Amino acid sequence: FYSVVFGAGLQMEDLAAHGWTYPKKGSSGPLTIWTSYSFAEVDFEVVRKVLFSMDIVALVAMAILCTMLGALAITGRYPTGPSGDPQPDDPLDFNAELITVGAACLF
């Protein structure tokens, strides 16, 4: 989408004016997502429903399954570590992998 917009020489403001994108709120930068909206715009009833629904369980289960299947695929394809690895035959620590994914999900 953005490649076509850039290639056609279109402006994002024009696309927003015609309903193709949302209007820009605030300035752009790495912290924009944290400064664009206020807590007054949050519907906490919806947040509560999502947090205590089975949807969040499915999301967590999918993250765990994808991590474990990816780790199993890598260990099956590459039974030893890369050249230069001081301990190429050490087994993959699945617990450490899941902890890493869990920590990443918090951010």
N, C-alpha and C. Protein backbone atom coordinates (compact mmCIF):
# COMPACT_ATOMS: atom_id res chain seq x y z
N PHE A 1 0.82 -1.19 0.00
CA PHE A 1 0.00 0.00 0.00
C PHE A 1 0.87 1.26 0.00
N TYR A 2 1.82 1.32 0.94
CA TYR A 2 2.66 2.50 1.04
C TYR A 2 3.60 2.65 -0.16
N SER A 3 4.00 1.53 -0.75
CA SER A 3 4.85 1.60 -1.94
C SER A 3 4.08 2.23 -3.10
N VAL A 4 2.82 1.81 -3.25
CA VAL A 4 1.99 2.37 -4.32
C VAL A 4 1.74 3.85 -4.07
N VAL A 5 1.45 4.21 -2.81
CA VAL A 5 1.21 5.63 -2.48
C VAL A 5 2.44 6.46 -2.79
N PHE A 6 3.61 5.96 -2.35
CA PHE A 6 4.85 6.70 -2.59
C PHE A 6 5.16 6.77 -4.08
N GLY A 7 4.99 5.61 -4.77
CA GLY A 7 5.28 5.56 -6.21
C GLY A 7 4.37 6.47 -7.02
N ALA A 8 3.12 6.62 -6.58
CA ALA A 8 2.17 7.47 -7.31
C ALA A 8 2.32 8.94 -6.94
N GLY A 9 3.16 9.22 -5.95
CA GLY A 9 3.37 10.61 -5.54
C GLY A 9 2.20 11.19 -4.75
N LEU A 10 1.44 10.34 -4.11
CA LEU A 10 0.30 10.81 -3.31
C LEU A 10 0.74 11.23 -1.92
N GLN A 11 -0.03 12.09 -1.32
CA GLN A 11 0.24 12.54 0.05
C GLN A 11 -0.71 11.83 1.00
N MET A 12 -0.21 11.45 2.17
CA MET A 12 -1.04 10.76 3.15
C MET A 12 -2.21 11.65 3.61
N GLU A 13 -1.99 12.95 3.66
CA GLU A 13 -3.06 13.86 4.06
C GLU A 13 -4.23 13.81 3.07
N ASP A 14 -3.89 13.71 1.76
CA ASP A 14 -4.94 13.61 0.74
C ASP A 14 -5.72 12.30 0.88
N LEU A 15 -5.00 11.21 1.17
CA LEU A 15 -5.67 9.93 1.36
C LEU A 15 -6.59 9.97 2.57
N ALA A 16 -6.15 10.62 3.64
CA ALA A 16 -6.99 10.74 4.83
C ALA A 16 -8.22 11.59 4.55
N ALA A 17 -8.04 12.63 3.75
CA ALA A 17 -9.17 13.50 3.41
C ALA A 17 -10.23 12.76 2.59
N HIS A 18 -9.80 11.77 1.83
CA HIS A 18 -10.73 11.00 1.00
C HIS A 18 -11.17 9.69 1.66
N GLY A 19 -10.79 9.49 2.93
CA GLY A 19 -11.25 8.32 3.67
C GLY A 19 -10.45 7.05 3.50
N TRP A 20 -9.28 7.11 2.87
CA TRP A 20 -8.47 5.91 2.67
C TRP A 20 -7.70 5.54 3.93
N THR A 21 -7.31 6.52 4.73
CA THR A 21 -6.58 6.28 5.98
C THR A 21 -7.18 7.16 7.06
N TYR A 22 -6.76 6.89 8.28
CA TYR A 22 -7.20 7.74 9.38
C TYR A 22 -6.40 9.04 9.37
N PRO A 23 -6.99 10.13 9.84
CA PRO A 23 -6.24 11.38 9.91
C PRO A 23 -5.08 11.25 10.90
N LYS A 24 -4.02 11.94 10.61
CA LYS A 24 -2.84 11.91 11.46
C LYS A 24 -3.12 12.67 12.74
N LYS A 25 -2.78 12.04 13.86
CA LYS A 25 -2.95 12.69 15.17
C LYS A 25 -1.56 12.91 15.76
N GLY A 26 -1.24 14.11 16.13
CA GLY A 26 0.04 14.39 16.79
C GLY A 26 1.20 14.40 15.81
N SER A 27 2.40 14.36 16.37
CA SER A 27 3.61 14.38 15.56
C SER A 27 4.06 12.94 15.30
N SER A 28 4.95 12.78 14.33
CA SER A 28 5.45 11.44 14.06
C SER A 28 6.80 11.27 14.74
N GLY A 29 7.07 10.06 15.15
CA GLY A 29 8.30 9.72 15.83
C GLY A 29 8.12 8.42 16.59
N PRO A 30 9.18 7.92 17.21
CA PRO A 30 9.08 6.63 17.87
C PRO A 30 8.13 6.60 19.07
N LEU A 31 7.87 7.74 19.67
CA LEU A 31 6.98 7.77 20.84
C LEU A 31 5.56 8.20 20.49
N THR A 32 5.27 8.33 19.21
CA THR A 32 3.98 8.84 18.78
C THR A 32 2.82 7.99 19.29
N ILE A 33 2.98 6.67 19.28
CA ILE A 33 1.89 5.80 19.70
C ILE A 33 1.51 6.05 21.16
N TRP A 34 2.48 6.48 21.98
CA TRP A 34 2.21 6.71 23.40
C TRP A 34 1.68 8.10 23.67
N THR A 35 1.78 8.99 22.70
CA THR A 35 1.34 10.37 22.93
C THR A 35 0.15 10.77 22.06
N SER A 36 -0.26 9.90 21.13
CA SER A 36 -1.34 10.26 20.21
C SER A 36 -2.72 10.20 20.83
N TYR A 37 -2.91 9.30 21.76
CA TYR A 37 -4.23 9.09 22.34
C TYR A 37 -4.19 9.32 23.84
N SER A 38 -5.33 9.62 24.41
CA SER A 38 -5.39 9.81 25.87
C SER A 38 -6.18 8.67 26.48
N PHE A 39 -6.02 8.49 27.79
CA PHE A 39 -6.76 7.44 28.48
C PHE A 39 -8.25 7.72 28.49
N ALA A 40 -8.64 8.95 28.26
CA ALA A 40 -10.07 9.28 28.21
C ALA A 40 -10.75 8.60 27.03
N GLU A 41 -9.98 8.23 26.00
CA GLU A 41 -10.54 7.59 24.81
C GLU A 41 -10.66 6.07 24.95
N VAL A 42 -10.15 5.51 26.05
CA VAL A 42 -10.16 4.06 26.24
C VAL A 42 -11.51 3.61 26.78
N ASP A 43 -12.07 2.59 26.17
CA ASP A 43 -13.30 1.97 26.67
C ASP A 43 -12.88 0.80 27.56
N PHE A 44 -12.77 1.07 28.87
CA PHE A 44 -12.26 0.06 29.79
C PHE A 44 -13.19 -1.14 29.93
N GLU A 45 -14.45 -0.99 29.61
CA GLU A 45 -15.37 -2.13 29.63
C GLU A 45 -14.98 -3.13 28.55
N VAL A 46 -14.60 -2.64 27.38
CA VAL A 46 -14.14 -3.53 26.30
C VAL A 46 -12.83 -4.18 26.69
N VAL A 47 -11.91 -3.42 27.30
CA VAL A 47 -10.64 -3.98 27.74
C VAL A 47 -10.89 -5.10 28.74
N ARG A 48 -11.79 -4.89 29.69
CA ARG A 48 -12.10 -5.91 30.69
C ARG A 48 -12.67 -7.16 30.03
N LYS A 49 -13.57 -6.97 29.07
CA LYS A 49 -14.17 -8.12 28.38
C LYS A 49 -13.12 -8.93 27.61
N VAL A 50 -12.19 -8.24 26.98
CA VAL A 50 -11.17 -8.94 26.21
C VAL A 50 -10.21 -9.68 27.13
N LEU A 51 -9.81 -9.04 28.23
CA LEU A 51 -8.85 -9.67 29.14
C LEU A 51 -9.42 -10.91 29.81
N PHE A 52 -10.71 -10.93 30.04
CA PHE A 52 -11.32 -12.07 30.72
C PHE A 52 -12.13 -12.94 29.76
N SER A 53 -11.76 -12.92 28.51
CA SER A 53 -12.45 -13.76 27.52
C SER A 53 -11.52 -14.89 27.09
N MET A 54 -12.07 -15.80 26.34
CA MET A 54 -11.26 -16.90 25.82
C MET A 54 -10.37 -16.45 24.68
N ASP A 55 -10.62 -15.27 24.12
CA ASP A 55 -9.78 -14.77 23.03
C ASP A 55 -8.34 -14.58 23.47
N ILE A 56 -8.16 -14.07 24.68
CA ILE A 56 -6.80 -13.83 25.17
C ILE A 56 -6.10 -15.16 25.42
N VAL A 57 -6.85 -16.16 25.86
CA VAL A 57 -6.28 -17.50 26.06
C VAL A 57 -5.83 -18.07 24.72
N ALA A 58 -6.63 -17.89 23.70
CA ALA A 58 -6.26 -18.37 22.36
C ALA A 58 -5.02 -17.66 21.85
N LEU A 59 -4.91 -16.37 22.11
CA LEU A 59 -3.75 -15.60 21.67
C LEU A 59 -2.48 -16.10 22.36
N VAL A 60 -2.55 -16.31 23.66
CA VAL A 60 -1.39 -16.80 24.41
C VAL A 60 -1.03 -18.21 23.96
N ALA A 61 -2.04 -19.06 23.78
CA ALA A 61 -1.78 -20.43 23.33
C ALA A 61 -1.12 -20.43 21.95
N MET A 62 -1.56 -19.55 21.07
CA MET A 62 -0.96 -19.47 19.73
C MET A 62 0.50 -19.02 19.81
N ALA A 63 0.79 -18.05 20.67
CA ALA A 63 2.17 -17.59 20.83
C ALA A 63 3.06 -18.71 21.35
N ILE A 64 2.56 -19.48 22.32
CA ILE A 64 3.35 -20.58 22.86
C ILE A 64 3.56 -21.66 21.81
N LEU A 65 2.49 -22.04 21.10
CA LEU A 65 2.62 -23.08 20.08
C LEU A 65 3.56 -22.68 18.96
N CYS A 66 3.46 -21.44 18.52
CA CYS A 66 4.35 -20.97 17.44
C CYS A 66 5.80 -20.99 17.88
N THR A 67 6.04 -20.59 19.12
CA THR A 67 7.41 -20.59 19.64
C THR A 67 7.96 -22.00 19.72
N MET A 68 7.16 -22.91 20.28
CA MET A 68 7.64 -24.28 20.44
C MET A 68 7.82 -24.97 19.08
N LEU A 69 6.90 -24.77 18.15
CA LEU A 69 7.04 -25.39 16.83
C LEU A 69 8.24 -24.82 16.09
N GLY A 70 8.46 -23.52 16.22
CA GLY A 70 9.64 -22.91 15.60
C GLY A 70 10.93 -23.46 16.18
N ALA A 71 10.96 -23.58 17.50
CA ALA A 71 12.17 -24.11 18.15
C ALA A 71 12.40 -25.56 17.75
N LEU A 72 11.33 -26.36 17.70
CA LEU A 72 11.47 -27.76 17.28
C LEU A 72 11.92 -27.86 15.83
N ALA A 73 11.41 -26.99 14.97
CA ALA A 73 11.82 -27.01 13.56
C ALA A 73 13.29 -26.67 13.41
N ILE A 74 13.74 -25.71 14.19
CA ILE A 74 15.15 -25.31 14.11
C ILE A 74 16.05 -26.43 14.61
N THR A 75 15.69 -27.04 15.75
CA THR A 75 16.53 -28.11 16.28
C THR A 75 16.51 -29.34 15.37
N GLY A 76 15.38 -29.58 14.68
CA GLY A 76 15.33 -30.70 13.75
C GLY A 76 16.15 -30.44 12.50
N ARG A 77 16.18 -29.22 12.05
CA ARG A 77 16.90 -28.86 10.81
C ARG A 77 18.38 -28.67 11.07
N TYR A 78 18.71 -28.09 12.19
CA TYR A 78 20.10 -27.79 12.53
C TYR A 78 20.44 -28.47 13.86
N PRO A 79 20.84 -29.74 13.84
CA PRO A 79 21.07 -30.46 15.10
C PRO A 79 22.28 -29.95 15.88
N THR A 80 23.19 -29.25 15.23
CA THR A 80 24.33 -28.67 15.96
C THR A 80 24.35 -27.17 15.72
N GLY A 81 25.07 -26.48 16.57
CA GLY A 81 25.15 -25.02 16.47
C GLY A 81 26.00 -24.57 15.29
N PRO A 82 26.06 -23.27 15.06
CA PRO A 82 26.86 -22.74 13.94
C PRO A 82 28.35 -22.89 14.21
N SER A 83 29.15 -22.77 13.16
CA SER A 83 30.59 -22.88 13.34
C SER A 83 31.06 -21.74 14.24
N GLY A 84 31.95 -22.06 15.14
CA GLY A 84 32.43 -21.08 16.09
C GLY A 84 31.68 -21.13 17.41
N ASP A 85 30.59 -21.89 17.48
CA ASP A 85 29.84 -22.05 18.72
C ASP A 85 30.68 -22.90 19.67
N PRO A 86 30.98 -22.40 20.88
CA PRO A 86 31.85 -23.17 21.78
C PRO A 86 31.22 -24.48 22.25
N GLN A 87 29.90 -24.59 22.24
CA GLN A 87 29.24 -25.82 22.66
C GLN A 87 28.13 -26.15 21.65
N PRO A 88 28.51 -26.62 20.44
CA PRO A 88 27.52 -26.79 19.37
C PRO A 88 26.51 -27.90 19.63
N ASP A 89 26.80 -28.84 20.52
CA ASP A 89 25.90 -29.96 20.74
C ASP A 89 24.99 -29.78 21.94
N ASP A 90 25.01 -28.62 22.59
CA ASP A 90 24.11 -28.37 23.72
C ASP A 90 22.67 -28.35 23.23
N PRO A 91 21.77 -29.00 23.96
CA PRO A 91 20.35 -28.97 23.53
C PRO A 91 19.74 -27.59 23.74
N LEU A 92 18.73 -27.30 22.96
CA LEU A 92 18.03 -26.03 23.07
C LEU A 92 17.24 -26.00 24.38
N ASP A 93 17.34 -24.90 25.10
CA ASP A 93 16.60 -24.75 26.36
C ASP A 93 15.23 -24.16 26.05
N PHE A 94 14.22 -25.05 25.97
CA PHE A 94 12.87 -24.61 25.61
C PHE A 94 12.28 -23.68 26.67
N ASN A 95 12.62 -23.90 27.93
CA ASN A 95 12.13 -23.03 28.99
C ASN A 95 12.64 -21.61 28.80
N ALA A 96 13.91 -21.46 28.45
CA ALA A 96 14.48 -20.13 28.21
C ALA A 96 13.82 -19.47 27.00
N GLU A 97 13.52 -20.28 25.98
CA GLU A 97 12.85 -19.73 24.80
C GLU A 97 11.46 -19.19 25.15
N LEU A 98 10.70 -19.95 25.94
CA LEU A 98 9.36 -19.50 26.33
C LEU A 98 9.42 -18.26 27.23
N ILE A 99 10.41 -18.21 28.11
CA ILE A 99 10.57 -17.02 28.96
C ILE A 99 10.88 -15.80 28.11
N THR A 100 11.71 -15.97 27.09
CA THR A 100 12.05 -14.86 26.20
C THR A 100 10.82 -14.37 25.46
N VAL A 101 9.99 -15.28 24.95
CA VAL A 101 8.77 -14.90 24.25
C VAL A 101 7.81 -14.20 25.21
N GLY A 102 7.67 -14.72 26.42
CA GLY A 102 6.80 -14.10 27.41
C GLY A 102 7.24 -12.69 27.75
N ALA A 103 8.55 -12.50 27.92
CA ALA A 103 9.06 -11.16 28.21
C ALA A 103 8.83 -10.22 27.03
N ALA A 104 8.99 -10.73 25.82
CA ALA A 104 8.77 -9.90 24.63
C ALA A 104 7.31 -9.50 24.52
N CYS A 105 6.39 -10.38 24.90
CA CYS A 105 4.96 -10.07 24.83
C CYS A 105 4.59 -8.96 25.81
N LEU A 106 5.33 -8.84 26.89
CA LEU A 106 5.04 -7.77 27.85
C LEU A 106 5.34 -6.39 27.27
N PHE A 107 6.29 -6.35 26.35
CA PHE A 107 6.66 -5.07 25.76
C PHE A 107 5.88 -4.83 24.51
